Amino acid sequence: MPNQKTLNVRIPVDLMDEFKEKAYKKYNYEKGSIKKVSIDALKEWCERN
């Protein structure tokens, strides 16, 4: 993915655990699943706002 930037965010442990669990289910535990679902979530948020 060209033209990338980094976003470091601290979130509550329970939210991260739930997020990771759902990411792994959606992307079948494949490498990069957390990154993919994070990008999906950010895109969806931007579309709504």
PDB file of N, CA and C in Angstrom:
ATOM      1  N   MET A   1       0.852  -1.173   0.000  1.00  0.00           N
ATOM      2  CA  MET A   1       0.000   0.000   0.000  1.00  0.00           C
ATOM      3  C   MET A   1       0.901   1.241   0.000  1.00  0.00           C
ATOM      4  N   PRO A   2       0.945   1.967  -1.095  1.00  0.00           N
ATOM      5  CA  PRO A   2       1.805   3.149  -1.174  1.00  0.00           C
ATOM      6  C   PRO A   2       1.253   4.314  -0.352  1.00  0.00           C
ATOM      7  N   ASN A   3       2.120   5.252  -0.064  1.00  0.00           N
ATOM      8  CA  ASN A   3       1.725   6.466   0.663  1.00  0.00           C
ATOM      9  C   ASN A   3       1.055   6.156   1.999  1.00  0.00           C
ATOM     10  N   GLN A   4       1.754   5.432   2.845  1.00  0.00           N
ATOM     11  CA  GLN A   4       1.203   5.063   4.145  1.00  0.00           C
ATOM     12  C   GLN A   4       1.687   6.003   5.230  1.00  0.00           C
ATOM     13  N   LYS A   5       0.899   6.119   6.265  1.00  0.00           N
ATOM     14  CA  LYS A   5       1.271   6.828   7.479  1.00  0.00           C
ATOM     15  C   LYS A   5       0.957   5.916   8.649  1.00  0.00           C
ATOM     16  N   THR A   6       1.539   6.235   9.772  1.00  0.00           N
ATOM     17  CA  THR A   6       1.343   5.438  10.980  1.00  0.00           C
ATOM     18  C   THR A   6       0.435   6.172  11.950  1.00  0.00           C
ATOM     19  N   LEU A   7      -0.444   5.425  12.599  1.00  0.00           N
ATOM     20  CA  LEU A   7      -1.335   5.968  13.614  1.00  0.00           C
ATOM     21  C   LEU A   7      -1.183   5.099  14.863  1.00  0.00           C
ATOM     22  N   ASN A   8      -0.662   5.660  15.922  1.00  0.00           N
ATOM     23  CA  ASN A   8      -0.523   4.934  17.190  1.00  0.00           C
ATOM     24  C   ASN A   8      -1.623   5.387  18.132  1.00  0.00           C
ATOM     25  N   VAL A   9      -2.419   4.437  18.598  1.00  0.00           N
ATOM     26  CA  VAL A   9      -3.564   4.741  19.451  1.00  0.00           C
ATOM     27  C   VAL A   9      -3.580   3.777  20.624  1.00  0.00           C
ATOM     28  N   ARG A  10      -3.801   4.303  21.798  1.00  0.00           N
ATOM     29  CA  ARG A  10      -3.967   3.457  22.984  1.00  0.00           C
ATOM     30  C   ARG A  10      -5.462   3.317  23.260  1.00  0.00           C
ATOM     31  N   ILE A  11      -5.913   2.075  23.386  1.00  0.00           N
ATOM     32  CA  ILE A  11      -7.327   1.820  23.646  1.00  0.00           C
ATOM     33  C   ILE A  11      -7.445   0.865  24.829  1.00  0.00           C
ATOM     34  N   PRO A  12      -8.604   0.822  25.470  1.00  0.00           N
ATOM     35  CA  PRO A  12      -8.792  -0.076  26.606  1.00  0.00           C
ATOM     36  C   PRO A  12      -8.568  -1.541  26.207  1.00  0.00           C
ATOM     37  N   VAL A  13      -8.027  -2.311  27.126  1.00  0.00           N
ATOM     38  CA  VAL A  13      -7.694  -3.716  26.872  1.00  0.00           C
ATOM     39  C   VAL A  13      -8.916  -4.501  26.424  1.00  0.00           C
ATOM     40  N   ASP A  14     -10.042  -4.307  27.081  1.00  0.00           N
ATOM     41  CA  ASP A  14     -11.240  -5.082  26.725  1.00  0.00           C
ATOM     42  C   ASP A  14     -11.720  -4.766  25.308  1.00  0.00           C
ATOM     43  N   LEU A  15     -11.613  -3.514  24.894  1.00  0.00           N
ATOM     44  CA  LEU A  15     -11.992  -3.148  23.528  1.00  0.00           C
ATOM     45  C   LEU A  15     -11.026  -3.781  22.528  1.00  0.00           C
ATOM     46  N   MET A  16      -9.743  -3.771  22.827  1.00  0.00           N
ATOM     47  CA  MET A  16      -8.751  -4.374  21.939  1.00  0.00           C
ATOM     48  C   MET A  16      -8.974  -5.874  21.812  1.00  0.00           C
ATOM     49  N   ASP A  17      -9.269  -6.522  22.911  1.00  0.00           N
ATOM     50  CA  ASP A  17      -9.528  -7.965  22.874  1.00  0.00           C
ATOM     51  C   ASP A  17     -10.722  -8.284  21.979  1.00  0.00           C
ATOM     52  N   GLU A  18     -11.791  -7.516  22.118  1.00  0.00           N
ATOM     53  CA  GLU A  18     -12.985  -7.734  21.293  1.00  0.00           C
ATOM     54  C   GLU A  18     -12.680  -7.442  19.820  1.00  0.00           C
ATOM     55  N   PHE A  19     -11.948  -6.363  19.565  1.00  0.00           N
ATOM     56  CA  PHE A  19     -11.586  -5.966  18.208  1.00  0.00           C
ATOM     57  C   PHE A  19     -10.750  -7.053  17.535  1.00  0.00           C
ATOM     58  N   LYS A  20      -9.752  -7.567  18.250  1.00  0.00           N
ATOM     59  CA  LYS A  20      -8.888  -8.613  17.701  1.00  0.00           C
ATOM     60  C   LYS A  20      -9.677  -9.885  17.415  1.00  0.00           C
ATOM     61  N   GLU A  21     -10.552 -10.258  18.329  1.00  0.00           N
ATOM     62  CA  GLU A  21     -11.356 -11.466  18.148  1.00  0.00           C
ATOM     63  C   GLU A  21     -12.206 -11.366  16.882  1.00  0.00           C
ATOM     64  N   LYS A  22     -12.842 -10.221  16.688  1.00  0.00           N
ATOM     65  CA  LYS A  22     -13.687 -10.034  15.512  1.00  0.00           C
ATOM     66  C   LYS A  22     -12.857  -9.931  14.239  1.00  0.00           C
ATOM     67  N   ALA A  23     -11.687  -9.312  14.325  1.00  0.00           N
ATOM     68  CA  ALA A  23     -10.794  -9.218  13.168  1.00  0.00           C
ATOM     69  C   ALA A  23     -10.344 -10.605  12.731  1.00  0.00           C
ATOM     70  N   TYR A  24      -9.968 -11.429  13.687  1.00  0.00           N
ATOM     71  CA  TYR A  24      -9.515 -12.783  13.363  1.00  0.00           C
ATOM     72  C   TYR A  24     -10.637 -13.617  12.758  1.00  0.00           C
ATOM     73  N   LYS A  25     -11.851 -13.444  13.258  1.00  0.00           N
ATOM     74  CA  LYS A  25     -12.982 -14.179  12.688  1.00  0.00           C
ATOM     75  C   LYS A  25     -13.255 -13.739  11.259  1.00  0.00           C
ATOM     76  N   LYS A  26     -13.188 -12.430  11.005  1.00  0.00           N
ATOM     77  CA  LYS A  26     -13.474 -11.911   9.670  1.00  0.00           C
ATOM     78  C   LYS A  26     -12.408 -12.329   8.668  1.00  0.00           C
ATOM     79  N   TYR A  27     -11.143 -12.273   9.059  1.00  0.00           N
ATOM     80  CA  TYR A  27     -10.040 -12.544   8.141  1.00  0.00           C
ATOM     81  C   TYR A  27      -9.350 -13.887   8.404  1.00  0.00           C
ATOM     82  N   ASN A  28     -10.002 -14.771   9.130  1.00  0.00           N
ATOM     83  CA  ASN A  28      -9.526 -16.145   9.336  1.00  0.00           C
ATOM     84  C   ASN A  28      -8.088 -16.242   9.840  1.00  0.00           C
ATOM     85  N   TYR A  29      -7.744 -15.430  10.808  1.00  0.00           N
ATOM     86  CA  TYR A  29      -6.427 -15.468  11.467  1.00  0.00           C
ATOM     87  C   TYR A  29      -5.256 -15.255  10.519  1.00  0.00           C
ATOM     88  N   GLU A  30      -5.498 -14.640   9.363  1.00  0.00           N
ATOM     89  CA  GLU A  30      -4.402 -14.429   8.427  1.00  0.00           C
ATOM     90  C   GLU A  30      -3.530 -13.252   8.878  1.00  0.00           C
ATOM     91  N   LYS A  31      -2.298 -13.250   8.413  1.00  0.00           N
ATOM     92  CA  LYS A  31      -1.360 -12.188   8.739  1.00  0.00           C
ATOM     93  C   LYS A  31      -1.906 -10.849   8.256  1.00  0.00           C
ATOM     94  N   GLY A  32      -1.840  -9.837   9.093  1.00  0.00           N
ATOM     95  CA  GLY A  32      -2.314  -8.508   8.731  1.00  0.00           C
ATOM     96  C   GLY A  32      -3.790  -8.275   8.983  1.00  0.00           C
ATOM     97  N   SER A  33      -4.456  -9.209   9.648  1.00  0.00           N
ATOM     98  CA  SER A  33      -5.899  -9.064   9.848  1.00  0.00           C
ATOM     99  C   SER A  33      -6.246  -7.857  10.719  1.00  0.00           C
ATOM    100  N   ILE A  34      -5.438  -7.557  11.726  1.00  0.00           N
ATOM    101  CA  ILE A  34      -5.707  -6.395  12.581  1.00  0.00           C
ATOM    102  C   ILE A  34      -5.585  -5.113  11.751  1.00  0.00           C
ATOM    103  N   LYS A  35      -4.570  -5.046  10.921  1.00  0.00           N
ATOM    104  CA  LYS A  35      -4.379  -3.870  10.062  1.00  0.00           C
ATOM    105  C   LYS A  35      -5.558  -3.716   9.102  1.00  0.00           C
ATOM    106  N   LYS A  36      -5.964  -4.805   8.473  1.00  0.00           N
ATOM    107  CA  LYS A  36      -7.062  -4.748   7.508  1.00  0.00           C
ATOM    108  C   LYS A  36      -8.365  -4.281   8.146  1.00  0.00           C
ATOM    109  N   VAL A  37      -8.692  -4.845   9.284  1.00  0.00           N
ATOM    110  CA  VAL A  37      -9.958  -4.477   9.922  1.00  0.00           C
ATOM    111  C   VAL A  37      -9.884  -3.058  10.495  1.00  0.00           C
ATOM    112  N   SER A  38      -8.701  -2.608  10.887  1.00  0.00           N
ATOM    113  CA  SER A  38      -8.534  -1.230  11.349  1.00  0.00           C
ATOM    114  C   SER A  38      -8.784  -0.255  10.207  1.00  0.00           C
ATOM    115  N   ILE A  39      -8.246  -0.548   9.045  1.00  0.00           N
ATOM    116  CA  ILE A  39      -8.466   0.297   7.867  1.00  0.00           C
ATOM    117  C   ILE A  39      -9.942   0.297   7.488  1.00  0.00           C
ATOM    118  N   ASP A  40     -10.564  -0.868   7.527  1.00  0.00           N
ATOM    119  CA  ASP A  40     -12.003  -0.956   7.239  1.00  0.00           C
ATOM    120  C   ASP A  40     -12.802  -0.071   8.197  1.00  0.00           C
ATOM    121  N   ALA A  41     -12.475  -0.136   9.482  1.00  0.00           N
ATOM    122  CA  ALA A  41     -13.202   0.629  10.498  1.00  0.00           C
ATOM    123  C   ALA A  41     -13.000   2.130  10.302  1.00  0.00           C
ATOM    124  N   LEU A  42     -11.783   2.542   9.995  1.00  0.00           N
ATOM    125  CA  LEU A  42     -11.517   3.964   9.777  1.00  0.00           C
ATOM    126  C   LEU A  42     -12.239   4.480   8.533  1.00  0.00           C
ATOM    127  N   LYS A  43     -12.244   3.696   7.468  1.00  0.00           N
ATOM    128  CA  LYS A  43     -12.964   4.088   6.253  1.00  0.00           C
ATOM    129  C   LYS A  43     -14.453   4.239   6.536  1.00  0.00           C
ATOM    130  N   GLU A  44     -15.021   3.268   7.230  1.00  0.00           N
ATOM    131  CA  GLU A  44     -16.449   3.308   7.546  1.00  0.00           C
ATOM    132  C   GLU A  44     -16.785   4.530   8.410  1.00  0.00           C
ATOM    133  N   TRP A  45     -15.939   4.827   9.379  1.00  0.00           N
ATOM    134  CA  TRP A  45     -16.169   5.988  10.246  1.00  0.00           C
ATOM    135  C   TRP A  45     -16.133   7.274   9.419  1.00  0.00           C
ATOM    136  N   CYS A  46     -15.153   7.389   8.530  1.00  0.00           N
ATOM    137  CA  CYS A  46     -15.034   8.588   7.682  1.00  0.00           C
ATOM    138  C   CYS A  46     -16.248   8.759   6.779  1.00  0.00           C
ATOM    139  N   GLU A  47     -16.780   7.670   6.259  1.00  0.00           N
ATOM    140  CA  GLU A  47     -17.963   7.739   5.402  1.00  0.00           C
ATOM    141  C   GLU A  47     -19.194   8.215   6.179  1.00  0.00           C
ATOM    142  N   ARG A  48     -19.277   7.823   7.430  1.00  0.00           N
ATOM    143  CA  ARG A  48     -20.437   8.197   8.263  1.00  0.00           C
ATOM    144  C   ARG A  48     -20.367   9.635   8.765  1.00  0.00           C
ATOM    145  N   ASN A  49     -19.165  10.174   8.848  1.00  0.00           N
ATOM    146  CA  ASN A  49     -19.007  11.505   9.446  1.00  0.00           C
ATOM    147  C   ASN A  49     -18.614  12.469   8.408  1.00  0.00           C
TER     148      ASN A  49
END
